[in-house]
Protein backbone atom coordinates (compact mmCIF):
# COMPACT_ATOMS: atom_id res chain seq x y z
CA MET A 1 -18.31 3.54 -17.32
CA GLU A 2 -20.17 5.99 -15.14
CA LEU A 3 -18.44 7.45 -12.12
CA ILE A 4 -20.38 8.12 -8.94
CA ASP A 5 -19.57 10.12 -5.84
CA LYS A 6 -18.70 7.46 -3.26
CA ASN A 7 -19.21 9.80 -0.30
CA ALA A 8 -22.64 10.90 -1.56
CA LEU A 9 -23.71 7.25 -1.90
CA VAL A 10 -22.52 6.44 1.61
CA GLU A 11 -24.36 9.47 3.04
CA TYR A 12 -27.53 8.38 1.22
CA LEU A 13 -27.32 4.81 2.54
CA GLU A 14 -26.63 6.04 6.08
CA ARG A 15 -29.68 8.32 5.87
CA MET A 16 -31.76 5.35 4.73
CA GLY A 17 -30.46 3.36 7.69
CA ASN A 18 -31.36 6.14 10.10
CA GLU A 19 -34.92 6.31 8.67
CA ILE A 20 -35.55 2.63 9.34
CA TYR A 21 -37.80 2.01 12.33
CA ALA A 22 -35.67 1.97 15.45
CA GLY A 23 -37.74 -0.54 17.42
CA ASN A 24 -36.64 -3.98 18.56
CA ASP A 25 -38.22 -5.79 15.60
CA GLU A 26 -35.61 -8.21 14.24
CA TYR A 27 -36.68 -7.46 10.66
CA PHE A 28 -35.81 -3.77 10.91
CA ILE A 29 -32.63 -4.46 12.88
CA GLY A 30 -31.57 -6.82 10.08
CA GLN A 31 -32.35 -4.22 7.41
CA LYS A 32 -30.30 -1.59 9.18
CA ALA A 33 -27.40 -4.02 9.73
CA GLY A 34 -27.53 -4.96 6.03
CA LEU A 35 -27.34 -1.32 4.94
CA MET A 36 -24.40 -0.65 7.25
CA LYS A 37 -22.63 -3.72 5.81
CA VAL A 38 -23.13 -2.31 2.31
CA VAL A 39 -21.65 1.01 3.47
CA SER A 40 -18.57 -0.74 4.86
CA VAL A 41 -18.11 -2.68 1.61
CA ILE A 42 -18.38 0.50 -0.48
CA MET A 43 -15.77 2.21 1.69
CA THR A 44 -13.25 -0.58 1.00
CA PHE A 45 -13.44 -0.24 -2.79
CA PRO A 46 -10.68 1.71 -4.54
CA ILE A 47 -11.34 5.14 -5.95
CA VAL A 48 -11.31 5.49 -9.73
CA GLU A 49 -9.91 8.83 -10.71
CA GLU A 50 -11.26 10.64 -13.73
CA ARG A 51 -8.80 10.82 -16.57
CA GLN A 52 -7.47 14.24 -17.34
CA HIS A 53 -7.82 15.71 -20.81
CA GLY A 54 -4.95 17.32 -22.64
CA HIS A 55 -3.41 17.80 -26.03
CA TRP A 56 0.02 17.71 -27.60
CA LYS A 57 1.80 21.05 -27.69
CA ASN A 58 5.23 21.25 -29.31
CA GLY A 59 5.47 17.46 -28.99
CA CYS A 60 4.73 17.44 -25.25
CA CYS A 61 1.70 16.51 -23.14
CA THR A 62 -0.05 19.59 -21.72
CA VAL A 63 -0.91 17.62 -18.56
CA CYS A 64 2.44 16.14 -17.49
CA GLY A 65 4.89 17.76 -19.89
CA GLU A 66 6.35 14.45 -21.13
CA SER A 67 7.39 14.17 -24.76
CA ALA A 68 5.20 12.29 -27.20
CA ALA A 69 6.01 8.61 -27.76
CA THR A 70 8.39 7.32 -30.38
CA ASP A 71 8.71 3.85 -31.81
CA GLY A 72 11.71 1.61 -31.17
CA HIS A 73 13.78 3.32 -33.85
CA PHE A 74 13.29 6.79 -32.36
CA ASP A 75 11.04 7.76 -35.24
CA PHE A 76 8.31 10.17 -34.29
CA ILE A 77 4.75 8.84 -34.21
CA ALA A 78 2.29 11.45 -35.44
CA GLU A 79 0.56 13.24 -32.55
CA GLU A 80 -2.89 12.70 -34.08
CA GLU A 81 -2.25 8.94 -33.82
CA GLN A 82 -1.51 9.18 -30.09
CA LYS A 83 -4.92 9.28 -28.40
CA TYR A 84 -3.46 8.98 -24.86
CA CYS A 85 -0.30 10.18 -23.14
CA TRP A 86 1.94 7.18 -22.59
CA ASN A 87 3.21 8.66 -19.31
CA CYS A 88 0.18 9.99 -17.39
CA GLY A 89 -2.71 8.42 -19.32
CA ALA A 90 -4.37 11.74 -20.18
CA ILE A 91 -6.89 11.57 -23.01
CA MET A 92 -5.52 13.59 -25.91
CA ASP A 93 -8.74 14.98 -27.33
CA GLY A 94 -7.90 18.67 -27.33
CA LYS A 95 -10.47 19.48 -24.63
CA ALA A 96 -7.86 20.87 -22.25
CA ILE A 97 -8.51 24.31 -20.85
CA CYS A 98 -5.23 26.11 -21.17
CA ASP A 99 -3.81 29.61 -21.01
CA ASP A 100 -1.88 29.05 -24.23
């Protein structure tokens, strides 16, 4: 999946709409109305947030601080087997920028 900047897309489409001929020609009025409809649809879509990156440190997530997962018998699951934090969804790939 590729994330885009929703606000930048809306600004671009609005600029395109403003560049359309402003006369009374129904064709151009329809084009401009269509672009503005697209802008309103884009604005109603939910925002997808980028996932944070972290790593396990002393058995805890460096993003949210929650302990690593265990199975139903309270046995520890190896940290290298846990690719995501069960609590916050952070990707555990070791790419976190930390002061530690």
